[in-house]
Protein backbone atom coordinates (compact mmCIF):
# COMPACT_ATOMS: atom_id res chain seq x y z
CA UNK A 1 -1.04 4.45 -1.72
CA UNK A 2 -0.79 6.15 -5.03
CA UNK A 3 3.00 6.43 -5.48
CA UNK A 4 6.02 4.76 -3.81
CA UNK A 5 9.56 6.02 -3.72
CA UNK A 6 12.54 4.22 -2.29
CA UNK A 7 16.05 5.59 -1.66
CA UNK A 8 19.03 3.26 -0.53
CA UNK A 9 16.77 0.32 -0.59
CA UNK A 10 18.60 -2.87 -1.83
CA UNK A 11 20.12 -2.25 -5.21
CA UNK A 12 18.32 1.13 -5.54
CA UNK A 13 19.74 4.38 -5.07
CA UNK A 14 16.68 6.20 -5.89
CA UNK A 15 13.54 4.66 -7.60
CA UNK A 16 12.00 7.77 -8.31
CA UNK A 17 8.30 8.11 -7.89
CA UNK A 18 6.59 4.93 -9.06
CA UNK A 19 2.93 5.71 -9.63
CA UNK A 20 0.23 2.94 -9.62
CA UNK A 21 -2.40 2.40 -11.93
CA UNK A 22 -4.83 -0.52 -12.04
CA UNK A 23 -2.41 -2.83 -13.64
CA UNK A 24 1.43 -2.38 -13.17
CA UNK A 25 4.02 -4.63 -14.82
CA UNK A 26 7.57 -4.81 -13.56
CA UNK A 27 9.90 -6.15 -16.22
CA UNK A 28 13.70 -6.29 -16.60
CA UNK A 29 16.62 -8.70 -16.40
CA UNK A 30 17.24 -10.98 -13.45
CA UNK A 31 18.62 -9.40 -10.41
CA UNK A 32 17.43 -6.00 -11.42
CA UNK A 33 15.50 -5.24 -8.13
CA UNK A 34 11.95 -6.06 -9.39
CA UNK A 35 11.34 -8.71 -6.72
CA UNK A 36 12.85 -6.48 -4.03
CA UNK A 37 10.56 -3.60 -4.90
CA UNK A 38 7.48 -5.74 -4.99
CA UNK A 39 8.48 -7.31 -1.68
CA UNK A 40 7.79 -3.90 0.07
CA UNK A 41 4.24 -4.53 0.18
CA UNK A 42 4.20 -7.79 1.89
CA UNK A 43 6.79 -6.16 4.20
CA UNK A 44 4.27 -3.47 5.04
CA UNK A 45 1.52 -6.20 5.53
CA UNK A 46 3.57 -8.16 8.12
CA UNK A 47 4.74 -5.15 10.07
CA UNK A 48 1.72 -3.21 10.82
CA UNK A 49 -0.21 -4.08 13.89
CA UNK A 50 2.52 -5.92 15.62
CA UNK A 51 4.66 -4.56 18.29
CA UNK A 52 8.34 -4.31 16.94
CA UNK A 53 11.73 -3.15 18.26
CA UNK A 54 12.23 -1.18 15.00
CA UNK A 55 10.20 0.31 12.35
CA UNK A 56 9.50 -2.85 10.17
CA UNK A 57 9.38 -6.56 10.88
CA UNK A 58 12.11 -7.68 8.47
CA UNK A 59 11.54 -11.28 8.92
CA UNK A 60 7.98 -12.64 9.05
CA UNK A 61 5.57 -15.04 7.48
CA UNK A 62 5.40 -12.96 4.21
CA UNK A 63 8.92 -12.17 3.48
CA UNK A 64 12.38 -12.71 4.96
CA UNK A 65 14.72 -9.78 4.43
CA UNK A 66 16.80 -10.85 7.58
CA UNK A 67 17.52 -7.50 9.11
CA UNK A 68 17.91 -3.72 8.34
CA UNK A 69 21.52 -4.15 7.57
CA UNK A 70 20.52 -6.54 4.80
CA UNK A 71 17.94 -4.14 3.33
CA UNK A 72 20.12 -0.80 3.18
CA UNK A 73 22.03 -0.22 0.11
CA UNK A 74 25.70 -1.08 0.54
CA UNK A 75 27.81 1.85 1.78
CA UNK A 76 24.65 3.93 2.97
CA UNK A 77 23.53 4.93 6.39
CA UNK A 78 19.99 5.48 5.91
CA UNK A 79 16.83 4.05 3.96
CA UNK A 80 13.99 6.41 2.87
CA UNK A 81 10.48 5.28 2.15
CA UNK A 82 8.22 7.84 0.49
CA UNK A 83 4.43 7.40 -0.39
CA UNK A 84 1.55 9.76 -1.77
CA UNK A 85 -2.03 9.22 -0.78
CA UNK A 86 -4.39 10.97 -3.00
CA UNK A 87 -7.58 12.19 -1.47
CA UNK A 88 -6.32 11.64 1.88
CA UNK A 89 -9.00 12.08 4.72
CA UNK A 90 -8.62 11.37 8.42
CA UNK A 91 -11.60 8.92 9.33
CA UNK A 92 -14.19 10.50 11.71
CA UNK A 93 -13.96 8.74 14.96
CA UNK A 94 -14.72 9.82 18.37
CA UNK A 95 -14.93 13.58 18.56
CA UNK A 96 -12.63 14.23 15.67
CA UNK A 97 -14.21 15.27 12.28
CA UNK A 98 -12.03 15.53 9.13
CA UNK A 99 -13.68 18.49 7.15
CA UNK A 100 -11.48 18.26 4.04
CA UNK A 101 -9.46 15.95 1.94
CA UNK A 102 -6.00 16.56 0.35
CA UNK A 103 -3.06 14.71 -1.34
CA UNK A 104 -0.79 13.92 1.41
CA UNK A 105 2.85 12.82 1.11
CA UNK A 106 4.70 10.80 3.84
CA UNK A 107 8.53 10.40 3.90
CA UNK A 108 10.12 8.08 6.40
CA UNK A 109 13.74 7.99 7.07
CA UNK A 110 15.17 5.00 8.74
CA UNK A 111 18.56 4.56 10.42
CA UNK A 112 20.66 2.06 12.26
CA UNK A 113 20.10 1.95 15.95
CA UNK A 114 22.79 -0.71 16.73
CA UNK A 115 23.82 -3.87 14.91
CA UNK A 116 20.30 -5.54 15.53
CA UNK A 117 17.61 -2.80 15.31
CA UNK A 118 16.71 0.27 13.29
CA UNK A 119 14.89 3.16 14.20
CA UNK A 120 12.78 6.07 12.59
CA UNK A 121 15.04 9.03 12.25
CA UNK A 122 12.47 11.50 10.82
CA UNK A 123 9.05 11.72 9.66
CA UNK A 124 8.07 14.31 6.95
CA UNK A 125 4.31 14.96 6.18
CA UNK A 126 3.59 17.30 3.22
CA UNK A 127 0.35 18.49 1.66
CA UNK A 128 -0.64 21.53 -0.21
CA UNK A 129 1.97 24.26 0.86
CA UNK A 130 2.30 22.58 4.26
CA UNK A 131 5.17 20.58 5.76
CA UNK A 132 5.65 19.02 9.25
CA UNK A 133 8.92 17.40 10.01
CA UNK A 134 9.55 15.43 13.10
CA UNK A 135 13.05 14.18 14.28
CA UNK A 136 13.55 11.19 16.59
CA UNK A 137 16.45 10.13 18.67
CA UNK A 138 17.12 6.44 18.73
CA UNK A 139 15.43 5.71 22.03
CA UNK A 140 12.38 8.04 21.12
CA UNK A 141 13.06 9.83 24.38
CA UNK A 142 13.51 13.22 22.63
CA UNK A 143 11.46 14.62 19.70
CA UNK A 144 12.05 17.86 17.74
CA UNK A 145 9.29 19.34 15.54
CA UNK A 146 9.39 21.71 12.78
CA UNK A 147 6.09 22.94 11.29
CA UNK A 148 6.85 24.82 8.00
CA UNK A 149 10.38 25.25 8.86
CA UNK A 150 9.79 26.73 12.29
CA UNK A 151 11.13 24.74 15.23
CA UNK A 152 8.62 24.36 18.16
CA UNK A 153 10.75 22.88 20.89
CA UNK A 154 11.04 26.07 22.86
CA UNK A 155 7.33 25.88 23.61
CA UNK A 156 7.54 22.63 25.64
CA UNK A 157 9.83 21.06 28.29
CA UNK A 158 9.99 17.72 26.22
CA UNK A 159 8.32 15.81 23.59
CA UNK A 160 8.68 12.02 23.41
CA UNK A 161 7.40 9.24 20.90
CA UNK A 162 5.31 6.54 22.33
CA UNK A 163 5.22 2.90 21.46
CA UNK A 164 2.24 1.50 19.45
CA UNK A 165 1.58 -1.28 17.18
CA UNK A 166 1.16 1.19 14.38
CA UNK A 167 3.96 1.95 12.00
CA UNK A 168 4.39 5.72 13.21
CA UNK A 169 4.59 6.55 16.69
CA UNK A 170 2.36 9.01 18.56
CA UNK A 171 3.79 12.14 20.30
CA UNK A 172 3.45 12.68 24.01
CA UNK A 173 3.80 16.44 25.07
CA UNK A 174 5.28 17.20 28.41
CA UNK A 175 4.92 20.83 29.61
CA UNK A 176 7.24 22.90 31.64
CA UNK A 177 4.98 21.83 34.81
CA UNK A 178 5.50 18.21 33.90
CA UNK A 179 1.97 17.62 32.64
CA UNK A 180 1.88 15.11 29.86
CA UNK A 181 -0.79 14.98 27.18
CA UNK A 182 -1.07 13.70 23.63
CA UNK A 183 -1.69 17.29 22.44
CA UNK A 184 0.16 20.44 23.29
CA UNK A 185 -1.75 22.46 26.02
CA UNK A 186 0.22 25.47 24.86
CA UNK A 187 -1.56 25.64 21.55
CA UNK A 188 -4.96 25.42 23.04
CA UNK A 189 -4.10 28.34 25.44
CA UNK A 190 -2.77 30.44 22.66
CA UNK A 191 -5.91 29.86 20.54
CA UNK A 192 -8.18 30.76 23.22
CA UNK A 193 -6.41 33.98 23.55
CA UNK A 194 -7.78 34.88 20.02
CA UNK A 195 -11.29 34.38 20.71
CA UNK A 196 -12.15 37.91 21.34
CA UNK A 197 -16.00 37.85 20.38
CA UNK A 198 -16.23 34.10 19.85
CA UNK A 199 -17.69 31.60 22.39
CA UNK A 200 -16.13 28.53 23.95
CA UNK A 201 -18.22 26.46 21.62
CA UNK A 202 -16.56 28.00 18.53
CA UNK A 203 -13.00 27.38 19.86
CA UNK A 204 -14.16 23.83 20.68
CA UNK A 205 -15.28 23.26 17.12
CA UNK A 206 -11.88 24.11 15.65
CA UNK A 207 -10.05 21.92 18.14
CA UNK A 208 -12.45 19.05 17.14
CA UNK A 209 -12.43 19.46 13.45
CA UNK A 210 -9.37 18.84 11.37
CA UNK A 211 -9.02 21.02 8.35
CA UNK A 212 -6.39 19.71 5.83
CA UNK A 213 -5.50 22.44 3.23
CA UNK A 214 -3.17 25.35 2.39
CA UNK A 215 -1.86 27.77 4.84
CA UNK A 216 -4.34 30.22 3.50
CA UNK A 217 -7.26 27.82 3.78
CA UNK A 218 -6.32 26.85 7.36
CA UNK A 219 -6.00 30.40 8.61
CA UNK A 220 -9.35 31.55 6.84
CA UNK A 221 -10.98 28.60 8.56
CA UNK A 222 -9.56 29.60 12.16
CA UNK A 223 -10.23 33.29 11.78
CA UNK A 224 -13.74 32.74 10.72
CA UNK A 225 -14.71 30.14 13.49
CA UNK A 226 -13.04 32.29 16.14
CA UNK A 227 -14.44 35.71 14.78
CA UNK A 228 -11.03 37.13 14.61
CA UNK A 229 -11.20 39.95 12.17
CA UNK A 230 -8.74 40.97 9.58
CA UNK A 231 -8.16 44.28 11.42
CA UNK A 232 -6.26 42.29 14.11
CA UNK A 233 -3.06 42.79 12.02
CA UNK A 234 -0.92 41.79 14.84
CA UNK A 235 -1.71 38.23 14.29
CA UNK A 236 1.00 36.34 12.52
CA UNK A 237 -0.98 34.08 9.98
CA UNK A 238 1.88 31.64 9.70
CA UNK A 239 2.11 31.31 13.50
CA UNK A 240 -1.63 30.98 13.72
CA UNK A 241 -1.59 28.13 11.00
CA UNK A 242 1.47 26.21 12.70
CA UNK A 243 -0.28 26.30 16.10
CA UNK A 244 -3.40 24.75 14.67
CA UNK A 245 -1.49 21.96 12.79
CA UNK A 246 0.56 21.29 15.89
CA UNK A 247 -2.52 21.13 18.05
CA UNK A 248 -3.82 18.30 15.40
CA UNK A 249 -0.26 16.56 14.80
CA UNK A 250 -1.33 13.41 16.60
CA UNK A 251 -4.71 13.27 14.66
CA UNK A 252 -2.76 13.58 11.52
CA UNK A 253 -0.46 10.81 12.53
CA UNK A 254 -3.50 8.63 13.59
CA UNK A 255 -4.87 9.28 10.14
CA UNK A 256 -1.81 8.12 8.24
CA UNK A 257 -1.54 4.96 10.68
CA UNK A 258 -5.36 4.05 9.95
CA UNK A 259 -4.50 4.54 6.30
CA UNK A 260 -1.59 2.07 6.49
CA UNK A 261 -3.52 -0.36 8.76
CA UNK A 262 -6.34 -0.52 6.08
CA UNK A 263 -3.66 -0.78 3.27
CA UNK A 264 -1.73 -3.72 5.07
CA UNK A 265 -5.25 -5.72 5.59
CA UNK A 266 -5.76 -5.33 1.90
CA UNK A 267 -2.45 -6.32 0.63
CA UNK A 268 -2.25 -9.90 -1.12
CA UNK A 269 1.02 -11.22 -2.05
CA UNK A 270 1.81 -14.38 -4.19
CA UNK A 271 5.44 -15.37 -4.18
CA UNK A 272 7.33 -16.81 -7.27
CA UNK A 273 7.32 -20.46 -5.98
CA UNK A 274 4.04 -22.04 -5.18
CA UNK A 275 3.70 -24.98 -2.91
CA UNK A 276 3.66 -28.32 -4.71
CA UNK A 277 0.17 -29.83 -4.85
CA UNK A 278 -0.41 -33.15 -2.79
CA UNK A 279 -2.76 -35.96 -3.75
CA UNK A 280 -4.46 -35.76 -0.30
CA UNK A 281 -4.55 -33.09 2.33
CA UNK A 282 -4.98 -33.94 5.98
CA UNK A 283 -8.23 -32.11 7.47
CA UNK A 284 -7.45 -29.60 10.02
CA UNK A 285 -10.15 -28.26 12.28
CA UNK A 286 -9.27 -24.60 12.10
CA UNK A 287 -10.78 -21.78 10.15
CA UNK A 288 -8.65 -20.31 7.21
CA UNK A 289 -9.60 -16.82 6.08
CA UNK A 290 -6.05 -15.89 4.43
CA UNK A 291 -4.37 -17.76 1.60
CA UNK A 292 -0.68 -18.22 2.33
CA UNK A 293 1.74 -16.49 -0.21
CA UNK A 294 2.74 -19.93 -1.53
CA UNK A 295 -0.64 -21.31 -1.69
CA UNK A 296 0.03 -24.25 0.56
CA UNK A 297 -3.30 -23.82 2.64
CA UNK A 298 -5.37 -23.49 -0.52
CA UNK A 299 -7.21 -26.85 -0.04
CA UNK A 300 -8.16 -25.90 3.49
CA UNK A 301 -9.28 -22.28 2.30
CA UNK A 302 -11.40 -23.78 -0.30
CA UNK A 303 -12.80 -26.31 2.03
CA UNK A 304 -13.89 -23.61 4.59
CA UNK A 305 -15.90 -21.75 1.96
CA UNK A 306 -19.56 -21.71 2.28
CA UNK A 307 -21.46 -23.56 -0.55
CA UNK A 308 -22.45 -20.27 -2.24
CA UNK A 309 -18.92 -18.89 -2.19
CA UNK A 310 -17.40 -22.09 -3.57
CA UNK A 311 -19.95 -22.16 -6.44
CA UNK A 312 -19.15 -18.62 -7.20
CA UNK A 313 -15.36 -19.26 -7.25
CA UNK A 314 -16.14 -22.46 -9.57
CA UNK A 315 -18.12 -20.30 -11.98
CA UNK A 316 -15.63 -17.55 -12.01
CA UNK A 317 -12.72 -19.84 -13.02
CA UNK A 318 -15.05 -21.85 -15.47
CA UNK A 319 -15.98 -18.56 -17.17
CA UNK A 320 -12.49 -17.18 -17.49
CA UNK A 321 -10.29 -20.20 -17.82
CA UNK A 322 -12.60 -23.19 -18.87
CA UNK A 323 -12.09 -25.40 -15.65
CA UNK A 324 -13.28 -25.43 -12.06
CA UNK A 325 -11.98 -26.98 -8.82
CA UNK A 326 -13.83 -29.12 -6.55
CA UNK A 327 -12.99 -30.10 -2.90
CA UNK A 328 -13.75 -33.62 -2.04
CA UNK A 329 -13.48 -34.98 1.41
CA UNK A 330 -13.08 -38.82 2.29
CA UNK A 331 -12.29 -40.44 5.49
CA UNK A 332 -10.60 -37.36 7.02
CA UNK A 333 -8.61 -36.28 3.96
CA UNK A 334 -9.34 -33.72 1.17
CA UNK A 335 -8.40 -33.76 -2.46
CA UNK A 336 -8.54 -31.13 -5.05
CA UNK A 337 -10.41 -32.19 -8.22
CA UNK A 338 -10.02 -30.42 -11.46
CA UNK A 339 -12.91 -30.51 -13.79
CA UNK A 340 -11.93 -29.28 -17.39
CA UNK A 341 -14.73 -28.53 -19.86
CA UNK A 342 -15.24 -31.64 -22.10
CA UNK A 343 -12.74 -33.76 -20.08
CA UNK A 344 -13.12 -36.18 -17.22
CA UNK A 345 -12.36 -35.10 -13.60
CA UNK A 346 -8.78 -35.75 -12.23
CA UNK A 347 -6.96 -35.10 -9.09
CA UNK A 348 -5.00 -32.06 -9.51
CA UNK A 349 -1.72 -33.91 -9.17
CA UNK A 350 -2.71 -35.84 -12.50
CA UNK A 351 -3.54 -32.66 -14.62
CA UNK A 352 -0.27 -30.95 -14.91
CA UNK A 353 2.00 -28.72 -12.86
CA UNK A 354 0.41 -25.41 -14.41
CA UNK A 355 -2.68 -25.92 -12.20
CA UNK A 356 -0.71 -25.80 -9.01
CA UNK A 357 0.93 -22.56 -10.00
CA UNK A 358 -2.18 -20.67 -11.37
CA UNK A 359 -4.85 -21.89 -8.95
CA UNK A 360 -3.45 -20.03 -5.73
CA UNK A 361 -3.15 -16.81 -7.77
CA UNK A 362 -6.76 -17.06 -9.09
CA UNK A 363 -8.08 -17.87 -5.75
CA UNK A 364 -6.37 -14.84 -4.23
CA UNK A 365 -7.66 -12.61 -7.01
CA UNK A 366 -11.16 -13.92 -6.64
CA UNK A 367 -11.10 -13.51 -2.95
CA UNK A 368 -10.08 -9.83 -3.16
CA UNK A 369 -12.72 -9.14 -5.89
CA UNK A 370 -15.70 -10.84 -4.19
CA UNK A 371 -14.83 -11.56 -0.62
CA UNK A 372 -12.61 -8.81 0.60
CA UNK A 373 -14.46 -5.80 -0.80
CA UNK A 374 -16.87 -5.68 2.16
CA UNK A 375 -17.31 -2.10 3.30
CA UNK A 376 -15.43 -1.49 6.35
CA UNK A 377 -15.67 1.35 8.85
CA UNK A 378 -12.50 3.01 7.16
CA UNK A 379 -14.03 3.19 3.65
CA UNK A 380 -17.30 4.46 4.92
CA UNK A 381 -15.62 7.52 6.40
CA UNK A 382 -13.24 8.04 3.71
CA UNK A 383 -15.09 6.76 0.67
CA UNK A 384 -11.99 4.89 -0.39
CA UNK A 385 -10.85 1.36 0.24
CA UNK A 386 -7.80 0.19 -1.82
CA UNK A 387 -6.63 -3.24 -2.48
CA UNK A 388 -3.13 -4.15 -3.80
CA UNK A 389 -2.45 -7.58 -5.27
CA UNK A 390 1.34 -8.20 -5.73
CA UNK A 391 2.22 -11.27 -7.71
CA UNK A 392 5.72 -12.59 -8.62
CA UNK A 393 6.20 -14.31 -12.07
CA UNK A 394 2.60 -15.55 -12.55
CA UNK A 395 3.57 -17.26 -15.74
CA UNK A 396 5.69 -19.87 -14.18
CA UNK A 397 5.02 -23.26 -15.41
CA UNK A 398 2.16 -21.96 -17.52
CA UNK A 399 1.27 -22.93 -20.97
CA UNK A 400 1.26 -20.04 -23.36
CA UNK A 401 -2.57 -20.22 -23.79
CA UNK A 402 -2.94 -20.06 -19.87
CA UNK A 403 -0.61 -16.96 -19.92
CA UNK A 404 -2.77 -15.13 -22.36
CA UNK A 405 -5.90 -16.19 -20.53
CA UNK A 406 -4.29 -14.67 -17.29
CA UNK A 407 -3.71 -11.35 -19.00
CA UNK A 408 -7.37 -11.29 -20.15
CA UNK A 409 -8.37 -12.08 -16.71
CA UNK A 410 -6.56 -9.11 -15.40
CA UNK A 411 -8.51 -6.88 -17.78
CA UNK A 412 -11.97 -8.42 -16.76
CA UNK A 413 -11.22 -8.07 -12.97
CA UNK A 414 -10.34 -4.31 -13.41
CA UNK A 415 -13.47 -3.65 -15.53
CA UNK A 416 -15.70 -5.48 -12.90
CA UNK A 417 -13.96 -3.64 -10.02
CA UNK A 418 -14.49 -0.19 -11.72
CA UNK A 419 -18.12 -1.06 -12.36
CA UNK A 420 -18.66 -1.67 -8.73
CA UNK A 421 -16.60 1.50 -7.64
CA UNK A 422 -13.69 -0.56 -6.22
CA UNK A 423 -10.02 0.29 -6.17
CA UNK A 424 -7.81 -2.60 -7.00
CA UNK A 425 -4.21 -2.37 -8.13
CA UNK A 426 -2.11 -5.22 -9.44
CA UNK A 427 1.64 -5.07 -9.20
CA UNK A 428 3.07 -7.82 -11.21
CA UNK A 429 6.75 -8.85 -11.85
CA UNK A 430 6.83 -10.82 -15.09
CA UNK A 431 9.13 -12.01 -17.83
CA UNK A 432 6.08 -13.06 -19.90
CA UNK A 433 6.22 -11.63 -23.54
CA UNK A 434 2.70 -13.19 -24.01
CA UNK A 435 1.24 -11.40 -21.06
CA UNK A 436 2.55 -8.07 -22.13
CA UNK A 437 1.59 -8.47 -25.80
CA UNK A 438 -1.95 -9.77 -25.00
CA UNK A 439 -2.60 -6.50 -23.06
CA UNK A 440 -1.43 -4.64 -25.98
CA UNK A 441 -3.91 -6.55 -28.23
CA UNK A 442 -6.81 -5.75 -25.88
CA UNK A 443 -5.93 -2.05 -26.12
CA UNK A 444 -5.71 -2.08 -29.69
CA UNK A 445 -9.23 -3.59 -29.93
CA UNK A 446 -10.60 -1.08 -27.41
CA UNK A 447 -11.32 -3.84 -24.69
CA UNK A 448 -9.10 -1.98 -22.42
CA UNK A 449 -7.75 1.58 -21.95
CA UNK A 450 -4.14 2.37 -22.05
CA UNK A 451 -4.68 4.84 -19.15
CA UNK A 452 -5.08 1.91 -16.80
CA UNK A 453 -1.61 0.19 -17.20
CA UNK A 454 2.02 0.99 -16.37
CA UNK A 455 4.99 -0.94 -17.58
CA UNK A 456 8.17 -0.25 -15.47
CA UNK A 457 11.57 -1.29 -17.02
CA UNK A 458 14.17 -2.09 -14.30
CA UNK A 459 17.84 -1.94 -14.91
CA UNK A 460 16.85 0.18 -17.81
CA UNK A 461 20.27 1.85 -18.27
CA UNK A 462 21.61 -1.51 -19.40
CA UNK A 463 19.12 -1.24 -22.18
CA UNK A 464 20.64 2.05 -23.47
CA UNK A 465 17.99 4.12 -21.39
CA UNK A 466 18.68 7.05 -19.10
CA UNK A 467 17.38 5.99 -15.54
CA UNK A 468 17.66 2.77 -13.70
CA UNK A 469 13.92 2.57 -13.72
CA UNK A 470 12.14 3.73 -16.97
CA UNK A 471 8.37 3.89 -17.43
CA UNK A 472 6.90 2.55 -20.81
CA UNK A 473 3.46 3.41 -22.27
CA UNK A 474 0.89 1.56 -24.42
CA UNK A 475 -0.21 3.94 -27.20
CA UNK A 476 -3.89 3.93 -28.02
CA UNK A 477 -3.30 1.31 -30.58
CA UNK A 478 -1.65 -0.99 -28.25
CA UNK A 479 2.11 -0.39 -28.97
CA UNK A 480 4.57 0.07 -26.27
CA UNK A 481 6.36 3.62 -26.36
CA UNK A 482 9.80 4.21 -24.73
CA UNK A 483 10.50 0.45 -25.09
CA UNK A 484 14.06 -0.81 -25.66
CA UNK A 485 14.60 -2.26 -29.09
CA UNK A 486 15.00 -6.21 -28.78
CA UNK A 487 14.04 -6.42 -25.20
CA UNK A 488 12.16 -9.84 -25.98
CA UNK A 489 13.97 -12.25 -28.23
CA UNK A 490 11.38 -12.41 -30.95
CA UNK A 491 8.71 -10.14 -30.09
CA UNK A 492 9.63 -6.47 -30.68
CA UNK A 493 7.92 -3.35 -29.87
CA UNK A 494 9.49 -0.12 -31.20
CA UNK A 495 9.14 3.47 -30.39
């Protein structure tokens, strides 16, 4: 996911396209929508892979939005979520082979089904000069499809949407003879009629290879594979292009769902309130592979790490923050011990509340960088595996020195990820002047590139700016451009 746009979501009429760089700061006054925006990511995480009555699981382990009515902007009847995936490629699986990649935009419009449930009203898929639009009724019992503005319903008796664990439903095509299939037989018949000098194997090749590109690119690919010469001027090229896309519509939907599944598995979220540290933790005999958003299971997660991984984590925190954490087990209980350089070891309860707040964040970031970047089937086929770490207010209860070290750590992580060819994006809500200014200092000393960071100002209209969300930039010397005068009380960047 490279950009995200939300319409009629919570306090937002339209966020505009929010593009994501390696580091993205969300700043602004309280109740300006920063937290609502960042919670879209754990919402995706908790919704994908679970059977739902509506599009999203509004209440779950990660976030609690209550229901659709509580999410949609007051007075509005629909919610739109739009995102862009650059270099989108459908994973090769089974017989299908994706032979191209493109920038693909997905728009989902959600409406209220009844007082309890929402439904997907429409889905728009756009790439190059192509657009596929699918309209659903509340029960998914009737689906209308437009390919590049041309309706297709006259070619079928009925199209319905099937229930899946994925975010987007697949389509089922029912012919006039009541034959149901997950791809339109009519398209296959029409394409076979164009073969002329081609063999069945050539037709089979285009039906089993998905070309994502412009209308011209798709038509050229089809005519070349089927040996349809240019002299056959009676062939409507737009019609030919649309048939091909319709034939592969479920493959495209599957590709988007696989992209969202990979993304949801790779989203980490840290809420603003971390669990209070206990002196002792009761041992529980189960494996812990994920860290809770409030860090309450951190002790069990660290205890479950193998010796090599735990030593890796300890060395990492010592290198970046000057301390390490040890897990001690005595009589069925565990305790977390903080070992600061040059000081005696102490139970984490006895060394200050700041460690309680920062340690779950550090563990999640370390886990993302060193544990989660194992190459999956999806990344092998697409060449891309993106990770998103969303954090609310990491500076809470942190001494200014630790806030500065946190900013430096972000830069180090991005550098190491880039060296290893890994795509990690931080989306961080913060009120910390120290974190913002420390990044600027590192840009000024050429320790970090200003091209790798965004700063989004929420409720910017109250700061005398034009839009509700404004984008600020760091210059090459670390100064913030398009930044409201006096935004921070005593540390001011000017245009």
